[in-house]
Amino acid sequence: MLRLLGAVLLASLVTGTPAHGQQHTQFVVQATVPARVTLAAVEQPTRLSLTEDDVARGYKDVSARYRVASNARRGWLLHSRHASA
């Protein structure tokens, strides 16, 4: 709807009848850009082995690297989830 209104206003400015002196007009254009994040694995293990110590401790430290791109002004936060038995 706003796009159509802007196009109509712009068309009327361009094709308007000639007038004496200068004429000015204003209109507001607003756009909403949703936040978007992409996550790509750069380095992650292809295999994972758990020892009895890992199981007793309840976790396994794993090294991984990811490339993150975001257009969000407030930044982003990466959470890790783990399954519990």
N, C-alpha and C. Protein backbone atom coordinates (compact mmCIF):
# COMPACT_ATOMS: atom_id res chain seq x y z
N MET A 1 0.83 -1.19 0.00
CA MET A 1 0.00 0.00 0.00
C MET A 1 0.87 1.25 0.00
N LEU A 2 1.88 1.29 0.89
CA LEU A 2 2.77 2.47 0.92
C LEU A 2 3.57 2.59 -0.36
N ARG A 3 3.94 1.45 -0.94
CA ARG A 3 4.71 1.47 -2.18
C ARG A 3 3.88 2.12 -3.29
N LEU A 4 2.61 1.76 -3.36
CA LEU A 4 1.72 2.32 -4.38
C LEU A 4 1.54 3.82 -4.17
N LEU A 5 1.34 4.23 -2.92
CA LEU A 5 1.18 5.66 -2.61
C LEU A 5 2.43 6.44 -3.00
N GLY A 6 3.60 5.90 -2.68
CA GLY A 6 4.84 6.57 -3.06
C GLY A 6 5.00 6.69 -4.56
N ALA A 7 4.61 5.63 -5.29
CA ALA A 7 4.71 5.66 -6.75
C ALA A 7 3.76 6.70 -7.34
N VAL A 8 2.56 6.79 -6.79
CA VAL A 8 1.59 7.79 -7.27
C VAL A 8 2.10 9.19 -7.01
N LEU A 9 2.63 9.44 -5.81
CA LEU A 9 3.16 10.77 -5.50
C LEU A 9 4.34 11.13 -6.39
N LEU A 10 5.23 10.18 -6.62
CA LEU A 10 6.39 10.42 -7.47
C LEU A 10 5.95 10.69 -8.91
N ALA A 11 4.99 9.92 -9.40
CA ALA A 11 4.49 10.12 -10.77
C ALA A 11 3.84 11.49 -10.91
N SER A 12 3.11 11.92 -9.90
CA SER A 12 2.46 13.23 -9.99
C SER A 12 3.49 14.35 -9.95
N LEU A 13 4.60 14.16 -9.25
CA LEU A 13 5.66 15.17 -9.23
C LEU A 13 6.35 15.27 -10.59
N VAL A 14 6.62 14.10 -11.19
CA VAL A 14 7.36 14.07 -12.45
C VAL A 14 6.50 14.57 -13.61
N THR A 15 5.24 14.17 -13.65
CA THR A 15 4.38 14.50 -14.79
C THR A 15 3.43 15.65 -14.51
N GLY A 16 3.63 16.33 -13.41
CA GLY A 16 2.72 17.43 -13.03
C GLY A 16 2.75 18.57 -14.03
N THR A 17 1.76 19.40 -13.95
CA THR A 17 1.68 20.55 -14.86
C THR A 17 2.71 21.59 -14.44
N PRO A 18 3.30 22.28 -15.41
CA PRO A 18 4.28 23.30 -15.07
C PRO A 18 3.65 24.41 -14.22
N ALA A 19 4.38 24.90 -13.28
CA ALA A 19 3.87 25.96 -12.41
C ALA A 19 4.90 27.09 -12.35
N HIS A 20 4.44 28.22 -11.91
CA HIS A 20 5.34 29.36 -11.77
C HIS A 20 6.15 29.20 -10.49
N GLY A 21 7.45 29.40 -10.57
CA GLY A 21 8.30 29.28 -9.39
C GLY A 21 8.56 27.82 -9.03
N GLN A 22 8.93 27.63 -7.81
CA GLN A 22 9.25 26.28 -7.34
C GLN A 22 8.14 25.74 -6.46
N GLN A 23 7.95 24.45 -6.54
CA GLN A 23 7.01 23.77 -5.66
C GLN A 23 7.74 22.68 -4.91
N HIS A 24 7.35 22.47 -3.67
CA HIS A 24 7.98 21.45 -2.84
C HIS A 24 6.90 20.53 -2.28
N THR A 25 7.27 19.31 -2.12
CA THR A 25 6.38 18.36 -1.47
C THR A 25 7.21 17.38 -0.66
N GLN A 26 6.59 16.74 0.28
CA GLN A 26 7.29 15.74 1.10
C GLN A 26 6.40 14.53 1.25
N PHE A 27 7.03 13.39 1.31
CA PHE A 27 6.31 12.17 1.67
C PHE A 27 7.28 11.27 2.41
N VAL A 28 6.75 10.41 3.24
CA VAL A 28 7.56 9.54 4.10
C VAL A 28 7.54 8.13 3.54
N VAL A 29 8.70 7.53 3.49
CA VAL A 29 8.84 6.14 3.08
C VAL A 29 9.43 5.38 4.27
N GLN A 30 8.83 4.27 4.59
CA GLN A 30 9.29 3.46 5.72
C GLN A 30 9.51 2.03 5.26
N ALA A 31 10.59 1.43 5.70
CA ALA A 31 10.88 0.03 5.37
C ALA A 31 11.21 -0.72 6.64
N THR A 32 10.76 -1.95 6.72
CA THR A 32 11.08 -2.82 7.84
C THR A 32 11.96 -3.94 7.33
N VAL A 33 13.14 -4.08 7.93
CA VAL A 33 14.08 -5.12 7.54
C VAL A 33 14.17 -6.12 8.69
N PRO A 34 13.69 -7.34 8.47
CA PRO A 34 13.75 -8.33 9.56
C PRO A 34 15.19 -8.74 9.86
N ALA A 35 15.46 -9.03 11.12
CA ALA A 35 16.80 -9.49 11.51
C ALA A 35 17.08 -10.83 10.85
N ARG A 36 18.32 -11.01 10.41
CA ARG A 36 18.71 -12.25 9.74
C ARG A 36 20.09 -12.64 10.23
N VAL A 37 20.26 -13.91 10.51
CA VAL A 37 21.55 -14.45 10.95
C VAL A 37 21.85 -15.68 10.12
N THR A 38 23.09 -15.78 9.65
CA THR A 38 23.54 -17.01 8.99
C THR A 38 24.69 -17.58 9.80
N LEU A 39 24.73 -18.90 9.87
CA LEU A 39 25.74 -19.61 10.66
C LEU A 39 26.33 -20.70 9.76
N ALA A 40 27.65 -20.66 9.59
CA ALA A 40 28.33 -21.66 8.76
C ALA A 40 29.47 -22.28 9.57
N ALA A 41 29.52 -23.59 9.58
CA ALA A 41 30.59 -24.29 10.29
C ALA A 41 31.90 -24.10 9.54
N VAL A 42 32.93 -23.65 10.25
CA VAL A 42 34.26 -23.50 9.67
C VAL A 42 35.10 -24.71 10.05
N GLU A 43 34.99 -25.11 11.30
CA GLU A 43 35.76 -26.25 11.80
C GLU A 43 34.95 -26.92 12.91
N GLN A 44 34.71 -28.21 12.74
CA GLN A 44 34.01 -28.97 13.77
C GLN A 44 34.41 -30.43 13.64
N PRO A 45 34.38 -31.17 14.73
CA PRO A 45 34.80 -32.57 14.66
C PRO A 45 33.83 -33.41 13.83
N THR A 46 34.38 -34.36 13.08
CA THR A 46 33.54 -35.27 12.31
C THR A 46 33.18 -36.50 13.13
N ARG A 47 33.97 -36.80 14.14
CA ARG A 47 33.69 -37.93 15.03
C ARG A 47 33.84 -37.45 16.46
N LEU A 48 33.13 -38.10 17.33
CA LEU A 48 33.18 -37.75 18.75
C LEU A 48 33.18 -39.04 19.55
N SER A 49 34.16 -39.17 20.42
CA SER A 49 34.19 -40.36 21.27
C SER A 49 34.09 -39.91 22.73
N LEU A 50 33.28 -40.62 23.47
CA LEU A 50 33.07 -40.31 24.89
C LEU A 50 33.77 -41.36 25.75
N THR A 51 34.44 -40.88 26.77
CA THR A 51 35.08 -41.78 27.72
C THR A 51 34.19 -41.92 28.95
N GLU A 52 34.51 -42.86 29.79
CA GLU A 52 33.77 -43.02 31.05
C GLU A 52 33.91 -41.77 31.90
N ASP A 53 35.06 -41.13 31.86
CA ASP A 53 35.26 -39.88 32.61
C ASP A 53 34.32 -38.77 32.10
N ASP A 54 34.16 -38.68 30.77
CA ASP A 54 33.24 -37.69 30.19
C ASP A 54 31.82 -37.93 30.69
N VAL A 55 31.40 -39.17 30.68
CA VAL A 55 30.05 -39.52 31.12
C VAL A 55 29.87 -39.21 32.60
N ALA A 56 30.87 -39.55 33.42
CA ALA A 56 30.80 -39.29 34.86
C ALA A 56 30.76 -37.78 35.14
N ARG A 57 31.51 -37.02 34.34
CA ARG A 57 31.56 -35.57 34.50
C ARG A 57 30.26 -34.93 34.01
N GLY A 58 29.61 -35.54 33.02
CA GLY A 58 28.35 -35.03 32.51
C GLY A 58 28.49 -34.13 31.30
N TYR A 59 29.69 -33.96 30.77
CA TYR A 59 29.88 -33.16 29.56
C TYR A 59 31.18 -33.54 28.87
N LYS A 60 31.33 -33.07 27.65
CA LYS A 60 32.55 -33.29 26.87
C LYS A 60 32.92 -31.97 26.22
N ASP A 61 34.13 -31.50 26.45
CA ASP A 61 34.59 -30.28 25.79
C ASP A 61 34.89 -30.60 24.33
N VAL A 62 34.36 -29.78 23.44
CA VAL A 62 34.54 -29.98 22.01
C VAL A 62 34.94 -28.65 21.40
N SER A 63 35.93 -28.67 20.53
CA SER A 63 36.37 -27.45 19.85
C SER A 63 35.68 -27.34 18.49
N ALA A 64 35.09 -26.18 18.22
CA ALA A 64 34.44 -25.93 16.94
C ALA A 64 34.50 -24.43 16.65
N ARG A 65 34.52 -24.09 15.37
CA ARG A 65 34.51 -22.69 14.95
C ARG A 65 33.41 -22.49 13.93
N TYR A 66 32.74 -21.34 14.02
CA TYR A 66 31.65 -21.02 13.11
C TYR A 66 31.80 -19.59 12.60
N ARG A 67 31.33 -19.36 11.39
CA ARG A 67 31.30 -18.01 10.82
C ARG A 67 29.84 -17.52 10.94
N VAL A 68 29.68 -16.37 11.58
CA VAL A 68 28.34 -15.83 11.81
C VAL A 68 28.24 -14.47 11.13
N ALA A 69 27.15 -14.27 10.39
CA ALA A 69 26.87 -12.96 9.78
C ALA A 69 25.47 -12.55 10.23
N SER A 70 25.33 -11.28 10.60
CA SER A 70 24.04 -10.81 11.11
C SER A 70 23.84 -9.34 10.73
N ASN A 71 22.59 -8.98 10.48
CA ASN A 71 22.27 -7.58 10.23
C ASN A 71 21.53 -6.97 11.42
N ALA A 72 21.48 -7.69 12.55
CA ALA A 72 20.75 -7.21 13.73
C ALA A 72 21.57 -6.14 14.45
N ARG A 73 20.94 -5.03 14.75
CA ARG A 73 21.62 -3.93 15.45
C ARG A 73 22.06 -4.34 16.85
N ARG A 74 21.24 -5.17 17.50
CA ARG A 74 21.52 -5.54 18.88
C ARG A 74 22.49 -6.71 18.99
N GLY A 75 23.00 -7.20 17.88
CA GLY A 75 23.95 -8.30 17.91
C GLY A 75 23.24 -9.64 18.00
N TRP A 76 23.96 -10.66 18.42
CA TRP A 76 23.41 -12.00 18.50
C TRP A 76 24.06 -12.75 19.64
N LEU A 77 23.44 -13.82 20.07
CA LEU A 77 23.93 -14.64 21.17
C LEU A 77 23.75 -16.10 20.76
N LEU A 78 24.80 -16.87 20.86
CA LEU A 78 24.75 -18.30 20.49
C LEU A 78 24.58 -19.13 21.74
N HIS A 79 23.51 -19.91 21.77
CA HIS A 79 23.25 -20.82 22.89
C HIS A 79 23.58 -22.23 22.44
N SER A 80 24.12 -23.01 23.33
CA SER A 80 24.29 -24.43 23.01
C SER A 80 23.27 -25.22 23.81
N ARG A 81 22.75 -26.24 23.18
CA ARG A 81 21.77 -27.09 23.85
C ARG A 81 22.38 -28.47 24.00
N HIS A 82 22.02 -29.12 25.04
CA HIS A 82 22.45 -30.51 25.22
C HIS A 82 21.27 -31.36 25.59
N ALA A 83 21.31 -32.58 25.14
CA ALA A 83 20.22 -33.50 25.45
C ALA A 83 20.52 -34.17 26.80
N SER A 84 19.49 -34.34 27.58
CA SER A 84 19.68 -35.04 28.85
C SER A 84 19.00 -36.38 28.77
N ALA A 85 19.57 -37.34 29.45
CA ALA A 85 19.04 -38.71 29.40
C ALA A 85 17.79 -38.84 30.23
